[in-house]
Amino acid sequence: MPQVKVYTTAYCPYCVRAKSLLTNKGVPFDEINLEGKHQELLDLKEKTGMRTVPQIFVGDHFVGGFQELSAINQSGELDRLLNQD
């Protein structure tokens, strides 16, 4: 299973929902809390083009935020991504 990374900040309701979705599916993930790490957050925003968190990666694939994660979960695409070697 590819490594899953979830970039978050404190008090982010969509971050909580994304982590809950992954936990409920039994998907292990690394949470990278960017609270107080202004430059790291700016670098991530530049890399992805997204200005909000969570930002979720499955391996090298950038999923997006919670809404995108939820959509690919419902479509079955998340399972396909998770089952890649």
C-alpha atoms as a PDB file:
ATOM      1  CA  MET A   1       0.000   0.000   0.000  1.00  0.00           C
ATOM      2  CA  PRO A   2       1.375   3.431  -0.894  1.00  0.00           C
ATOM      3  CA  GLN A   3       2.135   5.832   1.923  1.00  0.00           C
ATOM      4  CA  VAL A   4      -0.726   8.222   2.666  1.00  0.00           C
ATOM      5  CA  LYS A   5       0.108  11.723   3.915  1.00  0.00           C
ATOM      6  CA  VAL A   6      -2.418  14.191   5.269  1.00  0.00           C
ATOM      7  CA  TYR A   7      -1.237  17.765   5.731  1.00  0.00           C
ATOM      8  CA  THR A   8      -3.323  19.522   8.377  1.00  0.00           C
ATOM      9  CA  THR A   9      -3.587  22.446  10.747  1.00  0.00           C
ATOM     10  CA  ALA A  10      -5.231  22.657  14.156  1.00  0.00           C
ATOM     11  CA  TYR A  11      -8.973  23.351  14.394  1.00  0.00           C
ATOM     12  CA  CYS A  12      -9.621  22.332  10.800  1.00  0.00           C
ATOM     13  CA  PRO A  13     -12.969  20.527  10.535  1.00  0.00           C
ATOM     14  CA  TYR A  14     -12.224  19.174   7.057  1.00  0.00           C
ATOM     15  CA  CYS A  15      -8.936  17.773   8.351  1.00  0.00           C
ATOM     16  CA  VAL A  16     -10.841  15.923  11.059  1.00  0.00           C
ATOM     17  CA  ARG A  17     -13.281  14.544   8.482  1.00  0.00           C
ATOM     18  CA  ALA A  18     -10.482  13.396   6.153  1.00  0.00           C
ATOM     19  CA  LYS A  19      -8.641  11.635   8.970  1.00  0.00           C
ATOM     20  CA  SER A  20     -11.902  10.036  10.113  1.00  0.00           C
ATOM     21  CA  LEU A  21     -12.660   8.731   6.612  1.00  0.00           C
ATOM     22  CA  LEU A  22      -9.214   7.170   6.332  1.00  0.00           C
ATOM     23  CA  THR A  23      -9.353   5.739   9.865  1.00  0.00           C
ATOM     24  CA  ASN A  24     -12.794   4.222   9.250  1.00  0.00           C
ATOM     25  CA  LYS A  25     -11.440   2.544   6.105  1.00  0.00           C
ATOM     26  CA  GLY A  26      -8.499   1.173   8.081  1.00  0.00           C
ATOM     27  CA  VAL A  27      -6.000   3.173   6.048  1.00  0.00           C
ATOM     28  CA  PRO A  28      -2.818   4.079   7.921  1.00  0.00           C
ATOM     29  CA  PHE A  29      -1.623   7.617   7.261  1.00  0.00           C
ATOM     30  CA  ASP A  30       1.003  10.081   8.355  1.00  0.00           C
ATOM     31  CA  GLU A  31      -0.363  13.382   9.592  1.00  0.00           C
ATOM     32  CA  ILE A  32       1.847  16.378   9.032  1.00  0.00           C
ATOM     33  CA  ASN A  33       0.556  19.255  11.142  1.00  0.00           C
ATOM     34  CA  LEU A  34       1.622  22.550   9.588  1.00  0.00           C
ATOM     35  CA  GLU A  35       0.415  24.707  12.474  1.00  0.00           C
ATOM     36  CA  GLY A  36       3.029  27.401  13.036  1.00  0.00           C
ATOM     37  CA  LYS A  37       5.116  26.198  10.073  1.00  0.00           C
ATOM     38  CA  HIS A  38       4.416  29.094   7.751  1.00  0.00           C
ATOM     39  CA  GLN A  39       7.177  28.401   5.207  1.00  0.00           C
ATOM     40  CA  GLU A  40       6.299  24.697   4.925  1.00  0.00           C
ATOM     41  CA  LEU A  41       2.654  25.629   4.335  1.00  0.00           C
ATOM     42  CA  LEU A  42       3.671  28.155   1.664  1.00  0.00           C
ATOM     43  CA  ASP A  43       5.892  25.542  -0.012  1.00  0.00           C
ATOM     44  CA  LEU A  44       3.042  23.012  -0.040  1.00  0.00           C
ATOM     45  CA  LYS A  45       0.625  25.572  -1.454  1.00  0.00           C
ATOM     46  CA  GLU A  46       3.110  26.377  -4.218  1.00  0.00           C
ATOM     47  CA  LYS A  47       3.572  22.670  -5.007  1.00  0.00           C
ATOM     48  CA  THR A  48      -0.141  21.806  -5.179  1.00  0.00           C
ATOM     49  CA  GLY A  49      -1.815  25.086  -6.078  1.00  0.00           C
ATOM     50  CA  MET A  50      -4.255  24.584  -3.184  1.00  0.00           C
ATOM     51  CA  ARG A  51      -4.564  27.237  -0.524  1.00  0.00           C
ATOM     52  CA  THR A  52      -6.419  25.207   2.100  1.00  0.00           C
ATOM     53  CA  VAL A  53      -5.914  22.081   4.190  1.00  0.00           C
ATOM     54  CA  PRO A  54      -6.205  19.193   4.371  1.00  0.00           C
ATOM     55  CA  GLN A  55      -3.982  18.290   1.474  1.00  0.00           C
ATOM     56  CA  ILE A  56      -3.865  14.566   0.905  1.00  0.00           C
ATOM     57  CA  PHE A  57      -1.369  12.440  -0.998  1.00  0.00           C
ATOM     58  CA  VAL A  58      -1.568   8.731  -1.763  1.00  0.00           C
ATOM     59  CA  GLY A  59       1.978   7.850  -2.687  1.00  0.00           C
ATOM     60  CA  ASP A  60       3.026  10.497  -5.205  1.00  0.00           C
ATOM     61  CA  HIS A  61      -0.578  11.111  -6.290  1.00  0.00           C
ATOM     62  CA  PHE A  62      -2.058  14.379  -5.018  1.00  0.00           C
ATOM     63  CA  VAL A  63      -5.682  13.669  -4.157  1.00  0.00           C
ATOM     64  CA  GLY A  64      -6.709  17.163  -3.051  1.00  0.00           C
ATOM     65  CA  GLY A  65      -8.710  18.029   0.035  1.00  0.00           C
ATOM     66  CA  PHE A  66     -11.504  16.323   1.946  1.00  0.00           C
ATOM     67  CA  GLN A  67     -14.128  16.800  -0.757  1.00  0.00           C
ATOM     68  CA  GLU A  68     -11.898  15.205  -3.381  1.00  0.00           C
ATOM     69  CA  LEU A  69     -10.990  12.378  -0.986  1.00  0.00           C
ATOM     70  CA  SER A  70     -14.659  11.730  -0.283  1.00  0.00           C
ATOM     71  CA  ALA A  71     -15.514  11.747  -3.989  1.00  0.00           C
ATOM     72  CA  ILE A  72     -12.791   9.262  -4.964  1.00  0.00           C
ATOM     73  CA  ASN A  73     -13.783   7.086  -2.018  1.00  0.00           C
ATOM     74  CA  GLN A  74     -17.384   6.964  -3.241  1.00  0.00           C
ATOM     75  CA  SER A  75     -16.316   6.245  -6.818  1.00  0.00           C
ATOM     76  CA  GLY A  76     -13.988   3.397  -5.805  1.00  0.00           C
ATOM     77  CA  GLU A  77     -10.919   5.235  -7.096  1.00  0.00           C
ATOM     78  CA  LEU A  78      -9.445   5.503  -3.584  1.00  0.00           C
ATOM     79  CA  ASP A  79      -9.384   1.718  -3.217  1.00  0.00           C
ATOM     80  CA  ARG A  80      -7.630   1.429  -6.578  1.00  0.00           C
ATOM     81  CA  LEU A  81      -4.995   3.978  -5.534  1.00  0.00           C
ATOM     82  CA  LEU A  82      -4.473   2.238  -2.202  1.00  0.00           C
ATOM     83  CA  ASN A  83      -4.000  -1.149  -3.825  1.00  0.00           C
ATOM     84  CA  GLN A  84      -1.201  -0.023  -6.141  1.00  0.00           C
ATOM     85  CA  ASP A  85       2.282  -1.238  -5.389  1.00  0.00           C
END
